[in-house]
Amino acid sequence: MKLLLTSGGITNDSIRAALLDLLGKPIESANALIIPTAQWGHPYCGPVSVRGSVTDGPRSGGMASQPWHSLGILELTALPTIPEAQWTPWVQQADVLLACGGDATYLCHWMRESGLADLLPSLADTVWVGMSAGSMVMTPRIGIDFVEWKSAPDDRTLGLVDFSIFPHLDVFPENSLAEARRWAGEVGGPSYALDDRSAITVVDGEVAVVSEGHWELLS
């Protein structure tokens, strides 16, 4: 699987160019599934924000509003109630999975519970585009400050990459660089602070930052 891990979505030409490079085809030829599941785990999200993540360009960080050949919804909480043979082809036939923001631990739980996490290693050519929590879910830890889902046992997530992500740098007062550095000391290991004009690509273990804004590599 190829990863495009963003803070704010597809917010500028550089991030969009990175997406095109990962896809290897025009966006107009690509089939996408948007995953809104993380929204349900965050207390500030709900039906309106879920609708916005699918239909509104700014609220989805430009992910849903790209000119996809097709765009469907994959709600992970529903998958355990239907046969795996029914939903697996939906995922396999998608060129890109668009994971919305919300709570990363909630998204992690449902990726595992639904079986999607087990399917990911077989999706060699699929592009995962994460926004905020949709990016953080791929990391080992998100830091306790970012855990909003009260049933989360801790701040651990999938750990498919070996670094952590502090999103929305300087977007909110509490997301300052000083706070990011404090957070980095808590989560340990390499980590990146990204503003909403920055993203990280991961292909075959190679990590690269794409940015038209401000980012920091934190130890």
N, C-alpha and C. Protein backbone atom coordinates (compact mmCIF):
# COMPACT_ATOMS: atom_id res chain seq x y z
N MET A 1 0.84 -1.19 0.00
CA MET A 1 0.00 0.00 0.00
C MET A 1 0.87 1.24 0.00
N LYS A 2 0.45 2.24 -0.77
CA LYS A 2 1.15 3.52 -0.82
C LYS A 2 0.39 4.51 0.06
N LEU A 3 1.12 5.31 0.83
CA LEU A 3 0.49 6.19 1.81
C LEU A 3 0.73 7.65 1.46
N LEU A 4 -0.35 8.44 1.55
CA LEU A 4 -0.26 9.90 1.52
C LEU A 4 -0.91 10.39 2.80
N LEU A 5 -0.09 10.75 3.77
CA LEU A 5 -0.56 11.08 5.11
C LEU A 5 -0.56 12.59 5.26
N THR A 6 -1.75 13.17 5.27
CA THR A 6 -1.88 14.62 5.32
C THR A 6 -2.42 15.06 6.67
N SER A 7 -2.22 16.32 6.97
CA SER A 7 -2.84 16.94 8.14
C SER A 7 -4.22 17.49 7.80
N GLY A 8 -4.28 18.23 6.68
CA GLY A 8 -5.53 18.90 6.33
C GLY A 8 -6.18 18.45 5.05
N GLY A 9 -5.61 17.43 4.40
CA GLY A 9 -6.18 16.94 3.16
C GLY A 9 -5.37 17.39 1.95
N ILE A 10 -6.01 17.38 0.80
CA ILE A 10 -5.35 17.76 -0.45
C ILE A 10 -5.54 19.27 -0.61
N THR A 11 -4.65 20.02 0.01
CA THR A 11 -4.86 21.46 0.18
C THR A 11 -4.04 22.33 -0.76
N ASN A 12 -3.14 21.74 -1.54
CA ASN A 12 -2.34 22.56 -2.45
C ASN A 12 -1.86 21.72 -3.63
N ASP A 13 -1.22 22.37 -4.57
CA ASP A 13 -0.79 21.70 -5.80
C ASP A 13 0.28 20.66 -5.53
N SER A 14 1.15 20.88 -4.55
CA SER A 14 2.22 19.93 -4.26
C SER A 14 1.66 18.61 -3.72
N ILE A 15 0.69 18.69 -2.83
CA ILE A 15 0.09 17.48 -2.29
C ILE A 15 -0.72 16.77 -3.38
N ARG A 16 -1.39 17.55 -4.21
CA ARG A 16 -2.14 16.94 -5.31
C ARG A 16 -1.20 16.26 -6.29
N ALA A 17 -0.06 16.86 -6.57
CA ALA A 17 0.93 16.25 -7.46
C ALA A 17 1.46 14.94 -6.87
N ALA A 18 1.66 14.92 -5.55
CA ALA A 18 2.10 13.69 -4.89
C ALA A 18 1.06 12.60 -5.03
N LEU A 19 -0.22 12.98 -4.91
CA LEU A 19 -1.30 12.02 -5.08
C LEU A 19 -1.28 11.43 -6.49
N LEU A 20 -1.13 12.29 -7.48
CA LEU A 20 -1.09 11.83 -8.86
C LEU A 20 0.08 10.88 -9.09
N ASP A 21 1.21 11.19 -8.50
CA ASP A 21 2.39 10.34 -8.64
C ASP A 21 2.14 8.97 -8.02
N LEU A 22 1.50 8.93 -6.87
CA LEU A 22 1.21 7.66 -6.21
C LEU A 22 0.18 6.85 -6.99
N LEU A 23 -0.82 7.53 -7.54
CA LEU A 23 -1.86 6.85 -8.31
C LEU A 23 -1.30 6.28 -9.61
N GLY A 24 -0.43 7.03 -10.26
CA GLY A 24 0.08 6.61 -11.55
C GLY A 24 -0.94 6.73 -12.65
N LYS A 25 -1.97 7.52 -12.43
CA LYS A 25 -3.02 7.75 -13.42
C LYS A 25 -3.73 9.05 -13.08
N PRO A 26 -4.47 9.63 -14.00
CA PRO A 26 -5.23 10.84 -13.68
C PRO A 26 -6.29 10.56 -12.63
N ILE A 27 -6.59 11.58 -11.81
CA ILE A 27 -7.64 11.43 -10.81
C ILE A 27 -8.96 11.09 -11.49
N GLU A 28 -9.18 11.62 -12.67
CA GLU A 28 -10.43 11.37 -13.39
C GLU A 28 -10.60 9.90 -13.79
N SER A 29 -9.52 9.12 -13.71
CA SER A 29 -9.59 7.69 -14.05
C SER A 29 -9.58 6.80 -12.81
N ALA A 30 -9.54 7.39 -11.64
CA ALA A 30 -9.37 6.62 -10.41
C ALA A 30 -10.68 6.47 -9.65
N ASN A 31 -10.87 5.28 -9.09
CA ASN A 31 -12.04 4.98 -8.27
C ASN A 31 -11.67 5.11 -6.79
N ALA A 32 -12.47 5.85 -6.04
CA ALA A 32 -12.16 6.14 -4.65
C ALA A 32 -13.28 5.70 -3.72
N LEU A 33 -12.89 5.29 -2.52
CA LEU A 33 -13.83 5.05 -1.44
C LEU A 33 -13.45 5.96 -0.28
N ILE A 34 -14.41 6.68 0.25
CA ILE A 34 -14.14 7.55 1.40
C ILE A 34 -14.60 6.85 2.68
N ILE A 35 -13.74 6.90 3.70
CA ILE A 35 -14.00 6.23 4.98
C ILE A 35 -14.25 7.29 6.04
N PRO A 36 -15.52 7.53 6.42
CA PRO A 36 -15.82 8.57 7.41
C PRO A 36 -15.78 8.09 8.86
N THR A 37 -15.44 6.84 9.09
CA THR A 37 -15.64 6.18 10.39
C THR A 37 -15.03 6.94 11.57
N ALA A 38 -13.84 7.52 11.40
CA ALA A 38 -13.18 8.20 12.52
C ALA A 38 -14.02 9.32 13.09
N GLN A 39 -14.90 9.89 12.28
CA GLN A 39 -15.75 10.99 12.73
C GLN A 39 -16.63 10.58 13.92
N TRP A 40 -17.14 9.35 13.90
CA TRP A 40 -18.08 8.93 14.94
C TRP A 40 -17.42 8.84 16.32
N GLY A 41 -16.11 8.71 16.36
CA GLY A 41 -15.43 8.56 17.64
C GLY A 41 -15.01 9.85 18.30
N HIS A 42 -15.26 10.99 17.62
CA HIS A 42 -14.83 12.28 18.16
C HIS A 42 -16.05 13.06 18.66
N PRO A 43 -16.00 13.62 19.89
CA PRO A 43 -17.17 14.30 20.44
C PRO A 43 -17.58 15.56 19.69
N TYR A 44 -16.69 16.15 18.90
CA TYR A 44 -17.02 17.35 18.15
C TYR A 44 -17.57 17.04 16.76
N CYS A 45 -17.66 15.76 16.43
CA CYS A 45 -18.15 15.36 15.11
C CYS A 45 -19.52 14.70 15.26
N GLY A 46 -20.18 14.45 14.14
CA GLY A 46 -21.49 13.84 14.17
C GLY A 46 -22.10 13.83 12.78
N PRO A 47 -23.43 13.71 12.67
CA PRO A 47 -24.07 13.59 11.37
C PRO A 47 -23.74 14.72 10.40
N VAL A 48 -23.67 15.96 10.90
CA VAL A 48 -23.39 17.08 10.01
C VAL A 48 -21.96 17.02 9.49
N SER A 49 -21.00 16.73 10.37
CA SER A 49 -19.61 16.68 9.93
C SER A 49 -19.37 15.47 9.03
N VAL A 50 -20.05 14.36 9.31
CA VAL A 50 -19.89 13.19 8.44
C VAL A 50 -20.41 13.50 7.05
N ARG A 51 -21.56 14.16 6.98
CA ARG A 51 -22.07 14.57 5.67
C ARG A 51 -21.09 15.52 4.99
N GLY A 52 -20.56 16.46 5.75
CA GLY A 52 -19.61 17.41 5.19
C GLY A 52 -18.34 16.76 4.70
N SER A 53 -17.90 15.69 5.39
CA SER A 53 -16.67 15.03 4.98
C SER A 53 -16.83 14.35 3.63
N VAL A 54 -18.06 14.02 3.28
CA VAL A 54 -18.32 13.32 2.03
C VAL A 54 -18.69 14.28 0.91
N THR A 55 -19.37 15.37 1.26
CA THR A 55 -19.95 16.22 0.21
C THR A 55 -19.29 17.59 0.07
N ASP A 56 -18.65 18.07 1.13
CA ASP A 56 -18.12 19.44 1.10
C ASP A 56 -16.60 19.43 0.92
N GLY A 57 -16.12 20.16 -0.07
CA GLY A 57 -14.69 20.21 -0.34
C GLY A 57 -13.87 20.63 0.86
N PRO A 58 -14.12 21.80 1.47
CA PRO A 58 -13.28 22.25 2.58
C PRO A 58 -13.32 21.31 3.78
N ARG A 59 -14.50 20.77 4.09
CA ARG A 59 -14.60 19.92 5.27
C ARG A 59 -13.90 18.59 5.08
N SER A 60 -13.77 18.15 3.86
CA SER A 60 -13.07 16.89 3.59
C SER A 60 -11.63 17.13 3.18
N GLY A 61 -11.15 18.35 3.35
CA GLY A 61 -9.80 18.66 2.96
C GLY A 61 -9.56 18.48 1.48
N GLY A 62 -10.61 18.64 0.70
CA GLY A 62 -10.49 18.50 -0.75
C GLY A 62 -10.45 17.06 -1.23
N MET A 63 -10.55 16.09 -0.31
CA MET A 63 -10.44 14.69 -0.72
C MET A 63 -11.65 14.24 -1.53
N ALA A 64 -12.84 14.53 -1.02
CA ALA A 64 -14.05 14.08 -1.71
C ALA A 64 -14.36 14.93 -2.93
N SER A 65 -13.87 16.14 -2.97
CA SER A 65 -14.22 17.05 -4.06
C SER A 65 -13.30 16.94 -5.27
N GLN A 66 -12.31 16.05 -5.21
CA GLN A 66 -11.48 15.82 -6.39
C GLN A 66 -12.35 15.17 -7.48
N PRO A 67 -11.97 15.33 -8.75
CA PRO A 67 -12.80 14.80 -9.83
C PRO A 67 -12.60 13.30 -10.05
N TRP A 68 -12.92 12.50 -9.04
CA TRP A 68 -12.76 11.05 -9.12
C TRP A 68 -13.66 10.47 -10.21
N HIS A 69 -13.20 9.38 -10.81
CA HIS A 69 -14.06 8.66 -11.76
C HIS A 69 -15.30 8.14 -11.05
N SER A 70 -15.11 7.64 -9.84
CA SER A 70 -16.23 7.25 -8.98
C SER A 70 -15.83 7.48 -7.53
N LEU A 71 -16.81 7.77 -6.70
CA LEU A 71 -16.58 8.00 -5.28
C LEU A 71 -17.68 7.32 -4.49
N GLY A 72 -17.30 6.37 -3.66
CA GLY A 72 -18.25 5.66 -2.81
C GLY A 72 -17.91 5.84 -1.35
N ILE A 73 -18.77 5.35 -0.48
CA ILE A 73 -18.57 5.44 0.96
C ILE A 73 -18.35 4.04 1.53
N LEU A 74 -17.32 3.90 2.33
CA LEU A 74 -17.04 2.64 3.03
C LEU A 74 -17.13 2.91 4.52
N GLU A 75 -18.24 2.53 5.15
CA GLU A 75 -18.43 2.72 6.57
C GLU A 75 -18.02 1.45 7.31
N LEU A 76 -16.92 1.54 8.03
CA LEU A 76 -16.32 0.35 8.62
C LEU A 76 -17.18 -0.28 9.70
N THR A 77 -17.98 0.50 10.40
CA THR A 77 -18.81 -0.07 11.46
C THR A 77 -19.86 -1.02 10.91
N ALA A 78 -20.18 -0.92 9.63
CA ALA A 78 -21.17 -1.80 9.02
C ALA A 78 -20.57 -3.11 8.54
N LEU A 79 -19.28 -3.15 8.28
CA LEU A 79 -18.69 -4.31 7.63
C LEU A 79 -18.82 -5.62 8.41
N PRO A 80 -18.71 -5.61 9.76
CA PRO A 80 -18.84 -6.88 10.47
C PRO A 80 -20.22 -7.52 10.34
N THR A 81 -21.21 -6.76 9.87
CA THR A 81 -22.58 -7.29 9.78
C THR A 81 -22.89 -7.88 8.41
N ILE A 82 -21.93 -7.82 7.48
CA ILE A 82 -22.16 -8.36 6.14
C ILE A 82 -21.02 -9.31 5.79
N PRO A 83 -21.25 -10.21 4.82
CA PRO A 83 -20.20 -11.18 4.49
C PRO A 83 -18.93 -10.50 3.99
N GLU A 84 -17.80 -11.03 4.42
CA GLU A 84 -16.52 -10.49 3.96
C GLU A 84 -16.39 -10.59 2.45
N ALA A 85 -16.94 -11.65 1.88
CA ALA A 85 -16.88 -11.82 0.43
C ALA A 85 -17.66 -10.75 -0.31
N GLN A 86 -18.56 -10.08 0.39
CA GLN A 86 -19.35 -9.02 -0.24
C GLN A 86 -18.58 -7.71 -0.31
N TRP A 87 -17.90 -7.34 0.81
CA TRP A 87 -17.27 -6.02 0.84
C TRP A 87 -15.80 -6.02 0.40
N THR A 88 -15.13 -7.17 0.48
CA THR A 88 -13.72 -7.20 0.09
C THR A 88 -13.49 -6.75 -1.35
N PRO A 89 -14.31 -7.18 -2.32
CA PRO A 89 -14.10 -6.70 -3.69
C PRO A 89 -14.28 -5.19 -3.83
N TRP A 90 -15.12 -4.58 -3.00
CA TRP A 90 -15.28 -3.12 -3.06
C TRP A 90 -13.92 -2.45 -2.81
N VAL A 91 -13.22 -2.96 -1.80
CA VAL A 91 -11.93 -2.38 -1.43
C VAL A 91 -10.87 -2.71 -2.48
N GLN A 92 -10.86 -3.95 -2.91
CA GLN A 92 -9.84 -4.38 -3.87
C GLN A 92 -9.94 -3.64 -5.20
N GLN A 93 -11.15 -3.24 -5.57
CA GLN A 93 -11.36 -2.57 -6.85
C GLN A 93 -11.14 -1.05 -6.77
N ALA A 94 -10.92 -0.54 -5.57
CA ALA A 94 -10.69 0.89 -5.41
C ALA A 94 -9.21 1.21 -5.68
N ASP A 95 -8.98 2.33 -6.31
CA ASP A 95 -7.61 2.81 -6.51
C ASP A 95 -7.10 3.57 -5.29
N VAL A 96 -8.03 4.17 -4.55
CA VAL A 96 -7.63 5.00 -3.42
C VAL A 96 -8.67 4.90 -2.31
N LEU A 97 -8.19 4.87 -1.08
CA LEU A 97 -9.03 4.91 0.11
C LEU A 97 -8.78 6.24 0.81
N LEU A 98 -9.84 6.99 1.04
CA LEU A 98 -9.76 8.33 1.62
C LEU A 98 -10.26 8.27 3.06
N ALA A 99 -9.35 8.38 4.02
CA ALA A 99 -9.71 8.23 5.42
C ALA A 99 -9.84 9.60 6.08
N CYS A 100 -11.04 9.90 6.55
CA CYS A 100 -11.35 11.22 7.13
C CYS A 100 -10.76 11.36 8.53
N GLY A 101 -10.79 12.59 9.03
CA GLY A 101 -10.36 12.89 10.37
C GLY A 101 -11.42 12.53 11.40
N GLY A 102 -11.05 12.68 12.67
CA GLY A 102 -11.93 12.33 13.78
C GLY A 102 -11.07 11.82 14.92
N ASP A 103 -11.34 10.62 15.39
CA ASP A 103 -10.53 10.01 16.44
C ASP A 103 -9.79 8.80 15.87
N ALA A 104 -8.48 8.82 15.96
CA ALA A 104 -7.67 7.77 15.35
C ALA A 104 -7.81 6.43 16.07
N THR A 105 -8.02 6.45 17.39
CA THR A 105 -8.16 5.18 18.11
C THR A 105 -9.47 4.50 17.76
N TYR A 106 -10.52 5.28 17.54
CA TYR A 106 -11.80 4.72 17.11
C TYR A 106 -11.67 4.12 15.71
N LEU A 107 -11.00 4.84 14.82
CA LEU A 107 -10.78 4.33 13.47
C LEU A 107 -9.93 3.06 13.53
N CYS A 108 -8.90 3.05 14.35
CA CYS A 108 -8.06 1.87 14.50
C CYS A 108 -8.88 0.67 14.96
N HIS A 109 -9.73 0.88 15.95
CA HIS A 109 -10.58 -0.19 16.46
C HIS A 109 -11.41 -0.80 15.34
N TRP A 110 -12.05 0.04 14.54
CA TRP A 110 -12.95 -0.48 13.51
C TRP A 110 -12.21 -1.00 12.29
N MET A 111 -11.00 -0.54 12.05
CA MET A 111 -10.19 -1.14 10.99
C MET A 111 -9.85 -2.58 11.36
N ARG A 112 -9.57 -2.81 12.63
CA ARG A 112 -9.28 -4.17 13.08
C ARG A 112 -10.55 -5.01 13.17
N GLU A 113 -11.59 -4.45 13.76
CA GLU A 113 -12.83 -5.18 13.96
C GLU A 113 -13.47 -5.59 12.64
N SER A 114 -13.38 -4.72 11.66
CA SER A 114 -14.01 -4.98 10.36
C SER A 114 -13.21 -5.95 9.50
N GLY A 115 -11.91 -6.08 9.77
CA GLY A 115 -11.05 -6.90 8.94
C GLY A 115 -10.29 -6.10 7.90
N LEU A 116 -10.54 -4.80 7.80
CA LEU A 116 -9.83 -3.99 6.82
C LEU A 116 -8.33 -3.96 7.10
N ALA A 117 -7.95 -3.88 8.36
CA ALA A 117 -6.52 -3.83 8.70
C ALA A 117 -5.79 -5.07 8.20
N ASP A 118 -6.45 -6.23 8.29
CA ASP A 118 -5.83 -7.47 7.81
C ASP A 118 -5.71 -7.50 6.29
N LEU A 119 -6.59 -6.78 5.60
CA LEU A 119 -6.59 -6.76 4.15
C LEU A 119 -5.52 -5.84 3.57
N LEU A 120 -5.12 -4.82 4.33
CA LEU A 120 -4.23 -3.78 3.80
C LEU A 120 -2.93 -4.31 3.19
N PRO A 121 -2.25 -5.29 3.81
CA PRO A 121 -0.98 -5.73 3.23
C PRO A 121 -1.11 -6.29 1.81
N SER A 122 -2.29 -6.75 1.43
CA SER A 122 -2.48 -7.31 0.09
C SER A 122 -2.78 -6.25 -0.96
N LEU A 123 -2.96 -5.00 -0.53
CA LEU A 123 -3.35 -3.92 -1.44
C LEU A 123 -2.12 -3.15 -1.90
N ALA A 124 -1.25 -3.81 -2.64
CA ALA A 124 0.05 -3.23 -2.97
C ALA A 124 -0.05 -1.95 -3.78
N ASP A 125 -1.02 -1.86 -4.66
CA ASP A 125 -1.11 -0.71 -5.56
C ASP A 125 -2.13 0.34 -5.11
N THR A 126 -2.81 0.07 -4.00
CA THR A 126 -3.82 1.00 -3.51
C THR A 126 -3.16 2.16 -2.78
N VAL A 127 -3.74 3.35 -2.94
CA VAL A 127 -3.24 4.54 -2.25
C VAL A 127 -4.15 4.85 -1.07
N TRP A 128 -3.57 4.99 0.10
CA TRP A 128 -4.31 5.42 1.30
C TRP A 128 -4.04 6.90 1.49
N VAL A 129 -5.07 7.71 1.41
CA VAL A 129 -4.95 9.14 1.66
C VAL A 129 -5.61 9.43 3.00
N GLY A 130 -4.81 9.79 3.98
CA GLY A 130 -5.34 10.10 5.30
C GLY A 130 -5.40 11.60 5.53
N MET A 131 -6.38 12.00 6.29
CA MET A 131 -6.50 13.39 6.75
C MET A 131 -6.55 13.37 8.27
N SER A 132 -5.60 13.99 8.93
CA SER A 132 -5.58 14.07 10.39
C SER A 132 -5.63 12.67 11.00
N ALA A 133 -6.72 12.30 11.67
CA ALA A 133 -6.82 10.97 12.28
C ALA A 133 -6.67 9.86 11.26
N GLY A 134 -7.09 10.11 10.03
CA GLY A 134 -6.94 9.12 8.97
C GLY A 134 -5.50 8.87 8.61
N SER A 135 -4.61 9.81 8.95
CA SER A 135 -3.17 9.63 8.80
C SER A 135 -2.57 9.05 10.08
N MET A 136 -2.98 9.58 11.22
CA MET A 136 -2.42 9.18 12.50
C MET A 136 -2.66 7.70 12.80
N VAL A 137 -3.74 7.13 12.26
CA VAL A 137 -4.05 5.73 12.52
C VAL A 137 -2.96 4.79 12.03
N MET A 138 -2.17 5.23 11.06
CA MET A 138 -1.11 4.38 10.53
C MET A 138 0.14 4.38 11.40
N THR A 139 0.20 5.24 12.40
CA THR A 139 1.40 5.40 13.23
C THR A 139 1.34 4.49 14.46
N PRO A 140 2.45 4.37 15.20
CA PRO A 140 2.43 3.50 16.40
C PRO A 140 1.63 4.08 17.56
N ARG A 141 1.76 5.41 17.78
CA ARG A 141 1.08 6.06 18.89
C ARG A 141 0.65 7.46 18.45
N ILE A 142 -0.43 7.96 19.05
CA ILE A 142 -0.89 9.30 18.70
C ILE A 142 -0.72 10.28 19.86
N GLY A 143 -0.38 9.79 21.03
CA GLY A 143 -0.29 10.66 22.20
C GLY A 143 -1.65 10.78 22.88
N ILE A 144 -1.66 10.73 24.18
CA ILE A 144 -2.92 10.68 24.93
C ILE A 144 -3.76 11.94 24.72
N ASP A 145 -3.13 13.07 24.40
CA ASP A 145 -3.87 14.31 24.19
C ASP A 145 -4.80 14.24 22.99
N PHE A 146 -4.50 13.35 22.04
CA PHE A 146 -5.32 13.23 20.83
C PHE A 146 -6.38 12.13 20.94
N VAL A 147 -6.44 11.46 22.09
CA VAL A 147 -7.44 10.41 22.27
C VAL A 147 -8.73 11.04 22.80
N GLU A 148 -9.77 11.02 21.98
CA GLU A 148 -11.07 11.57 22.37
C GLU A 148 -12.11 10.48 22.60
N TRP A 149 -11.88 9.29 22.06
CA TRP A 149 -12.81 8.18 22.23
C TRP A 149 -12.61 7.57 23.62
N LYS A 150 -13.62 7.66 24.45
CA LYS A 150 -13.48 7.30 25.86
C LYS A 150 -13.27 5.80 26.07
N SER A 151 -13.59 4.97 25.08
CA SER A 151 -13.41 3.53 25.24
C SER A 151 -12.03 3.06 24.77
N ALA A 152 -11.20 3.97 24.30
CA ALA A 152 -9.87 3.58 23.84
C ALA A 152 -9.04 3.08 25.02
N PRO A 153 -8.39 1.94 24.90
CA PRO A 153 -7.58 1.43 26.02
C PRO A 153 -6.31 2.24 26.25
N ASP A 154 -5.78 2.84 25.18
CA ASP A 154 -4.57 3.65 25.25
C ASP A 154 -4.46 4.44 23.96
N ASP A 155 -3.28 4.98 23.68
CA ASP A 155 -3.12 5.83 22.49
C ASP A 155 -2.46 5.10 21.32
N ARG A 156 -2.36 3.77 21.41
CA ARG A 156 -1.70 3.01 20.36
C ARG A 156 -2.62 2.83 19.15
N THR A 157 -2.00 2.87 17.97
CA THR A 157 -2.73 2.67 16.73
C THR A 157 -2.03 1.58 15.91
N LEU A 158 -2.21 1.55 14.60
CA LEU A 158 -1.82 0.38 13.81
C LEU A 158 -0.31 0.15 13.73
N GLY A 159 0.48 1.20 13.72
CA GLY A 159 1.92 1.03 13.65
C GLY A 159 2.42 0.51 12.31
N LEU A 160 1.77 0.90 11.23
CA LEU A 160 2.22 0.49 9.91
C LEU A 160 3.37 1.34 9.40
N VAL A 161 3.62 2.46 10.05
CA VAL A 161 4.83 3.25 9.83
C VAL A 161 5.54 3.38 11.18
N ASP A 162 6.79 3.81 11.17
CA ASP A 162 7.56 3.85 12.42
C ASP A 162 7.72 5.25 12.98
N PHE A 163 6.83 6.15 12.58
CA PHE A 163 6.88 7.52 13.11
C PHE A 163 5.47 7.94 13.50
N SER A 164 5.39 8.98 14.32
CA SER A 164 4.11 9.53 14.75
C SER A 164 3.88 10.88 14.09
N ILE A 165 2.62 11.37 14.12
CA ILE A 165 2.25 12.61 13.45
C ILE A 165 1.49 13.52 14.41
N PHE A 166 1.97 14.75 14.52
CA PHE A 166 1.27 15.82 15.23
C PHE A 166 0.63 16.70 14.16
N PRO A 167 -0.70 16.66 14.00
CA PRO A 167 -1.33 17.37 12.88
C PRO A 167 -1.72 18.81 13.24
N HIS A 168 -2.11 19.54 12.23
CA HIS A 168 -2.69 20.89 12.38
C HIS A 168 -1.77 21.86 13.13
N LEU A 169 -0.47 21.75 12.83
CA LEU A 169 0.48 22.65 13.47
C LEU A 169 0.11 24.11 13.20
N ASP A 170 -0.01 24.87 14.28
CA ASP A 170 -0.34 26.31 14.24
C ASP A 170 -1.74 26.62 13.70
N VAL A 171 -2.56 25.59 13.49
CA VAL A 171 -3.95 25.82 13.05
C VAL A 171 -4.81 26.19 14.24
N PHE A 172 -4.56 25.55 15.38
CA PHE A 172 -5.27 25.85 16.63
C PHE A 172 -4.25 26.33 17.66
N PRO A 173 -4.67 27.15 18.62
CA PRO A 173 -3.72 27.65 19.63
C PRO A 173 -3.00 26.54 20.38
N GLU A 174 -3.71 25.44 20.65
CA GLU A 174 -3.10 24.34 21.39
C GLU A 174 -2.18 23.48 20.53
N ASN A 175 -2.14 23.73 19.24
CA ASN A 175 -1.28 22.95 18.34
C ASN A 175 -0.04 23.75 17.94
N SER A 176 0.58 24.35 18.92
CA SER A 176 1.79 25.14 18.68
C SER A 176 3.01 24.22 18.55
N LEU A 177 4.11 24.76 18.06
CA LEU A 177 5.33 23.98 17.93
C LEU A 177 5.85 23.57 19.30
N ALA A 178 5.72 24.46 20.28
CA ALA A 178 6.15 24.11 21.64
C ALA A 178 5.37 22.91 22.17
N GLU A 179 4.06 22.90 21.90
CA GLU A 179 3.24 21.77 22.33
C GLU A 179 3.61 20.51 21.57
N ALA A 180 3.93 20.64 20.29
CA ALA A 180 4.34 19.50 19.49
C ALA A 180 5.62 18.88 20.05
N ARG A 181 6.54 19.71 20.48
CA ARG A 181 7.79 19.20 21.04
C ARG A 181 7.55 18.48 22.37
N ARG A 182 6.65 19.02 23.19
CA ARG A 182 6.30 18.34 24.43
C ARG A 182 5.66 16.99 24.14
N TRP A 183 4.71 16.98 23.16
CA TRP A 183 4.02 15.76 22.74
C TRP A 183 5.02 14.72 22.23
N ALA A 184 6.02 15.16 21.47
CA ALA A 184 7.01 14.24 20.91
C ALA A 184 7.77 13.52 22.00
N GLY A 185 8.04 14.21 23.08
CA GLY A 185 8.71 13.58 24.20
C GLY A 185 7.86 12.51 24.86
N GLU A 186 6.54 12.68 24.77
CA GLU A 186 5.62 11.71 25.34
C GLU A 186 5.52 10.45 24.49
N VAL A 187 5.38 10.62 23.17
CA VAL A 187 5.15 9.45 22.32
C VAL A 187 6.44 8.69 22.04
N GLY A 188 7.59 9.37 22.09
CA GLY A 188 8.85 8.72 21.82
C GLY A 188 9.02 8.38 20.35
N GLY A 189 10.25 8.09 19.96
CA GLY A 189 10.51 7.73 18.57
C GLY A 189 10.42 8.93 17.65
N PRO A 190 10.72 8.72 16.36
CA PRO A 190 10.64 9.84 15.42
C PRO A 190 9.20 10.29 15.23
N SER A 191 9.02 11.57 15.00
CA SER A 191 7.67 12.11 14.79
C SER A 191 7.77 13.38 13.97
N TYR A 192 6.66 13.70 13.32
CA TYR A 192 6.57 14.88 12.48
C TYR A 192 5.44 15.77 12.96
N ALA A 193 5.69 17.07 13.00
CA ALA A 193 4.63 18.06 13.18
C ALA A 193 4.33 18.63 11.81
N LEU A 194 3.06 18.59 11.41
CA LEU A 194 2.65 19.02 10.07
C LEU A 194 1.57 20.08 10.17
N ASP A 195 1.71 21.16 9.40
CA ASP A 195 0.58 22.07 9.27
C ASP A 195 -0.32 21.54 8.16
N ASP A 196 -1.43 22.26 7.90
CA ASP A 196 -2.42 21.74 6.97
C ASP A 196 -2.03 21.89 5.50
N ARG A 197 -0.83 22.41 5.25
CA ARG A 197 -0.31 22.48 3.88
C ARG A 197 0.83 21.50 3.66
N SER A 198 0.94 20.53 4.58
CA SER A 198 2.04 19.57 4.54
C SER A 198 1.51 18.14 4.60
N ALA A 199 2.31 17.22 4.08
CA ALA A 199 1.93 15.81 4.06
C ALA A 199 3.19 14.96 4.00
N ILE A 200 3.01 13.66 4.21
CA ILE A 200 4.10 12.69 4.14
C ILE A 200 3.69 11.57 3.19
N THR A 201 4.60 11.20 2.29
CA THR A 201 4.38 10.03 1.46
C THR A 201 5.25 8.88 1.96
N VAL A 202 4.71 7.67 1.87
CA VAL A 202 5.46 6.47 2.24
C VAL A 202 5.24 5.44 1.14
N VAL A 203 6.32 5.06 0.46
CA VAL A 203 6.27 4.07 -0.60
C VAL A 203 7.42 3.11 -0.42
N ASP A 204 7.11 1.83 -0.21
CA ASP A 204 8.14 0.81 0.00
C ASP A 204 9.11 1.21 1.11
N GLY A 205 8.58 1.81 2.16
CA GLY A 205 9.40 2.19 3.30
C GLY A 205 10.13 3.51 3.15
N GLU A 206 10.07 4.11 1.97
CA GLU A 206 10.73 5.39 1.75
C GLU A 206 9.79 6.53 2.18
N VAL A 207 10.25 7.38 3.06
CA VAL A 207 9.45 8.46 3.62
C VAL A 207 9.91 9.79 3.04
N ALA A 208 8.94 10.61 2.60
CA ALA A 208 9.27 11.93 2.06
C ALA A 208 8.20 12.93 2.51
N VAL A 209 8.63 14.14 2.78
CA VAL A 209 7.70 15.21 3.16
C VAL A 209 7.38 16.05 1.94
N VAL A 210 6.09 16.36 1.77
CA VAL A 210 5.60 17.24 0.72
C VAL A 210 4.98 18.45 1.41
N SER A 211 5.44 19.66 1.11
CA SER A 211 4.94 20.80 1.86
C SER A 211 5.01 22.10 1.09
N GLU A 212 3.99 22.90 1.28
CA GLU A 212 4.03 24.31 0.89
C GLU A 212 3.84 25.18 2.13
N GLY A 213 4.09 24.57 3.28
CA GLY A 213 3.86 25.28 4.55
C GLY A 213 4.97 25.01 5.54
N HIS A 214 4.60 24.64 6.77
CA HIS A 214 5.53 24.49 7.89
C HIS A 214 5.44 23.08 8.43
N TRP A 215 6.58 22.44 8.58
CA TRP A 215 6.65 21.12 9.21
C TRP A 215 7.96 21.00 9.96
N GLU A 216 7.98 20.10 10.91
CA GLU A 216 9.19 19.86 11.71
C GLU A 216 9.34 18.37 11.94
N LEU A 217 10.56 17.88 11.82
CA LEU A 217 10.90 16.52 12.26
C LEU A 217 11.33 16.60 13.71
N LEU A 218 10.64 15.87 14.57
CA LEU A 218 10.89 15.92 16.00
C LEU A 218 11.48 14.58 16.46
N SER A 219 12.45 14.62 17.36
CA SER A 219 13.05 13.39 17.87
C SER A 219 12.38 13.02 19.18
